[in-house]
């Protein structure tokens, strides 16, 4: 992801300004503000927020 973000400027340099802005807008949606998730082998997904909620419920029982 870091490499993609660092190389986008030179990659789109020769495009018209309007096209550059459209590409940047799409990349912002892709890279920023996305909900992170954990993928398991059985294709289930758990969001980081969901995992945090699960751990908050389980931890008091584990500490006993």
N, C-alpha and C. Protein backbone atom coordinates (compact mmCIF):
# COMPACT_ATOMS: atom_id res chain seq x y z
N UNK A 1 0.83 -1.18 0.00
CA UNK A 1 0.00 0.00 0.00
C UNK A 1 0.88 1.25 0.00
N UNK A 2 1.95 1.22 0.80
CA UNK A 2 2.85 2.37 0.86
C UNK A 2 3.46 2.65 -0.51
N UNK A 3 3.88 1.60 -1.19
CA UNK A 3 4.47 1.76 -2.52
C UNK A 3 3.46 2.33 -3.51
N UNK A 4 2.24 1.85 -3.45
CA UNK A 4 1.21 2.36 -4.36
C UNK A 4 0.95 3.84 -4.11
N UNK A 5 0.84 4.22 -2.85
CA UNK A 5 0.59 5.62 -2.53
C UNK A 5 1.75 6.51 -2.95
N UNK A 6 2.97 6.04 -2.75
CA UNK A 6 4.14 6.82 -3.11
C UNK A 6 4.30 6.96 -4.62
N UNK A 7 3.85 5.98 -5.38
CA UNK A 7 4.08 6.01 -6.82
C UNK A 7 2.92 6.57 -7.63
N UNK A 8 1.82 6.91 -7.00
CA UNK A 8 0.66 7.37 -7.76
C UNK A 8 0.93 8.69 -8.49
N UNK A 9 1.65 9.61 -7.85
CA UNK A 9 1.96 10.90 -8.48
C UNK A 9 2.65 10.74 -9.83
N UNK A 10 3.80 10.07 -9.86
CA UNK A 10 4.47 9.87 -11.15
C UNK A 10 3.65 9.06 -12.15
N UNK A 11 2.85 8.14 -11.65
CA UNK A 11 2.05 7.28 -12.51
C UNK A 11 1.00 8.07 -13.29
N UNK A 12 0.39 9.06 -12.64
CA UNK A 12 -0.68 9.83 -13.29
C UNK A 12 -0.21 11.21 -13.77
N UNK A 13 1.06 11.48 -13.70
CA UNK A 13 1.62 12.80 -14.01
C UNK A 13 1.20 13.35 -15.36
N UNK A 14 1.15 12.54 -16.38
CA UNK A 14 0.87 13.03 -17.74
C UNK A 14 -0.62 13.11 -18.07
N UNK A 15 -1.47 12.72 -17.16
CA UNK A 15 -2.92 12.77 -17.40
C UNK A 15 -3.44 14.19 -17.22
N UNK A 16 -4.60 14.50 -17.82
CA UNK A 16 -5.23 15.81 -17.60
C UNK A 16 -5.61 15.99 -16.12
N UNK A 17 -5.65 17.23 -15.65
CA UNK A 17 -5.94 17.52 -14.24
C UNK A 17 -7.25 16.89 -13.77
N UNK A 18 -8.29 16.96 -14.58
CA UNK A 18 -9.58 16.41 -14.18
C UNK A 18 -9.48 14.91 -13.93
N UNK A 19 -8.76 14.22 -14.78
CA UNK A 19 -8.59 12.77 -14.62
C UNK A 19 -7.76 12.46 -13.38
N UNK A 20 -6.70 13.26 -13.13
CA UNK A 20 -5.88 13.08 -11.93
C UNK A 20 -6.74 13.19 -10.67
N UNK A 21 -7.58 14.21 -10.63
CA UNK A 21 -8.43 14.42 -9.45
C UNK A 21 -9.41 13.27 -9.27
N UNK A 22 -9.98 12.77 -10.35
CA UNK A 22 -10.91 11.65 -10.27
C UNK A 22 -10.21 10.41 -9.72
N UNK A 23 -9.00 10.15 -10.19
CA UNK A 23 -8.24 8.99 -9.72
C UNK A 23 -7.92 9.15 -8.24
N UNK A 24 -7.48 10.33 -7.85
CA UNK A 24 -7.14 10.58 -6.44
C UNK A 24 -8.36 10.40 -5.55
N UNK A 25 -9.53 10.87 -6.00
CA UNK A 25 -10.76 10.71 -5.22
C UNK A 25 -11.08 9.23 -5.00
N UNK A 26 -10.91 8.43 -6.03
CA UNK A 26 -11.17 6.99 -5.90
C UNK A 26 -10.16 6.33 -4.96
N UNK A 27 -8.91 6.76 -5.03
CA UNK A 27 -7.89 6.20 -4.15
C UNK A 27 -8.14 6.55 -2.69
N UNK A 28 -8.65 7.75 -2.45
CA UNK A 28 -8.97 8.14 -1.08
C UNK A 28 -10.03 7.19 -0.53
N UNK A 29 -11.03 6.88 -1.32
CA UNK A 29 -12.07 5.94 -0.89
C UNK A 29 -11.48 4.56 -0.61
N UNK A 30 -10.52 4.16 -1.43
CA UNK A 30 -9.93 2.82 -1.29
C UNK A 30 -9.04 2.72 -0.07
N UNK A 31 -8.19 3.71 0.16
CA UNK A 31 -7.17 3.59 1.18
C UNK A 31 -7.53 4.20 2.53
N UNK A 32 -8.41 5.16 2.57
CA UNK A 32 -8.69 5.86 3.82
C UNK A 32 -10.15 5.70 4.20
N UNK A 33 -10.37 5.49 5.49
CA UNK A 33 -11.73 5.39 5.99
C UNK A 33 -12.36 4.04 5.80
N UNK A 34 -11.60 3.06 5.42
CA UNK A 34 -12.13 1.72 5.25
C UNK A 34 -12.11 0.99 6.58
N UNK A 35 -13.06 0.16 6.79
CA UNK A 35 -13.12 -0.69 7.97
C UNK A 35 -12.17 -1.86 7.77
N UNK A 36 -11.22 -1.98 8.65
CA UNK A 36 -10.30 -3.12 8.57
C UNK A 36 -11.03 -4.39 8.98
N UNK A 37 -10.65 -5.50 8.41
CA UNK A 37 -11.27 -6.76 8.78
C UNK A 37 -10.23 -7.87 8.75
N UNK A 38 -10.55 -8.93 9.47
CA UNK A 38 -9.68 -10.09 9.53
C UNK A 38 -10.36 -11.21 8.77
N UNK A 39 -9.63 -11.85 7.86
CA UNK A 39 -10.20 -12.93 7.06
C UNK A 39 -9.69 -14.27 7.60
N UNK A 40 -10.60 -15.22 7.74
CA UNK A 40 -10.26 -16.55 8.19
C UNK A 40 -10.32 -17.51 7.01
N UNK A 41 -9.75 -18.69 7.19
CA UNK A 41 -9.71 -19.68 6.10
C UNK A 41 -11.11 -20.05 5.61
N UNK A 42 -12.09 -20.02 6.50
CA UNK A 42 -13.44 -20.42 6.08
C UNK A 42 -14.22 -19.24 5.49
N UNK A 43 -13.52 -18.16 5.15
CA UNK A 43 -14.08 -16.99 4.45
C UNK A 43 -14.98 -16.13 5.32
N UNK A 44 -15.04 -16.39 6.64
CA UNK A 44 -15.77 -15.49 7.52
C UNK A 44 -14.95 -14.23 7.72
N UNK A 45 -15.61 -13.12 7.99
CA UNK A 45 -14.92 -11.87 8.25
C UNK A 45 -15.33 -11.36 9.61
N UNK A 46 -14.37 -10.78 10.33
CA UNK A 46 -14.65 -10.12 11.59
C UNK A 46 -13.98 -8.76 11.51
N UNK A 47 -14.75 -7.69 11.70
CA UNK A 47 -14.16 -6.36 11.66
C UNK A 47 -13.31 -6.16 12.91
N UNK A 48 -12.39 -5.23 12.86
CA UNK A 48 -11.56 -4.92 14.02
C UNK A 48 -12.44 -4.44 15.16
N UNK A 49 -13.45 -3.64 14.87
CA UNK A 49 -14.38 -3.19 15.92
C UNK A 49 -15.12 -4.37 16.52
N UNK A 50 -15.53 -5.30 15.69
CA UNK A 50 -16.23 -6.49 16.20
C UNK A 50 -15.33 -7.33 17.07
N UNK A 51 -14.08 -7.49 16.65
CA UNK A 51 -13.12 -8.25 17.44
C UNK A 51 -12.87 -7.57 18.79
N UNK A 52 -12.78 -6.26 18.76
CA UNK A 52 -12.57 -5.50 20.00
C UNK A 52 -13.74 -5.72 20.97
N UNK A 53 -14.96 -5.70 20.46
CA UNK A 53 -16.14 -5.92 21.30
C UNK A 53 -16.13 -7.33 21.89
N UNK A 54 -15.76 -8.31 21.08
CA UNK A 54 -15.70 -9.69 21.56
C UNK A 54 -14.67 -9.82 22.67
N UNK A 55 -13.49 -9.22 22.46
CA UNK A 55 -12.44 -9.31 23.48
C UNK A 55 -12.85 -8.63 24.78
N UNK A 56 -13.55 -7.51 24.70
CA UNK A 56 -14.00 -6.81 25.91
C UNK A 56 -14.96 -7.68 26.72
N UNK A 57 -15.74 -8.50 26.05
CA UNK A 57 -16.67 -9.39 26.75
C UNK A 57 -15.92 -10.58 27.33
N UNK A 58 -14.95 -11.12 26.61
CA UNK A 58 -14.26 -12.33 27.03
C UNK A 58 -13.18 -12.07 28.09
N UNK A 59 -12.47 -10.96 27.99
CA UNK A 59 -11.35 -10.71 28.89
C UNK A 59 -11.68 -10.78 30.38
N UNK A 60 -12.80 -10.26 30.84
CA UNK A 60 -13.08 -10.39 32.28
C UNK A 60 -13.14 -11.85 32.75
N UNK A 61 -13.59 -12.75 31.89
CA UNK A 61 -13.68 -14.16 32.26
C UNK A 61 -12.30 -14.83 32.22
N UNK A 62 -11.46 -14.38 31.32
CA UNK A 62 -10.12 -14.96 31.19
C UNK A 62 -9.25 -14.54 32.38
N UNK A 63 -9.44 -13.32 32.87
CA UNK A 63 -8.64 -12.80 33.97
C UNK A 63 -8.93 -13.49 35.30
N UNK A 64 -10.07 -14.15 35.43
CA UNK A 64 -10.45 -14.82 36.69
C UNK A 64 -9.66 -16.05 36.94
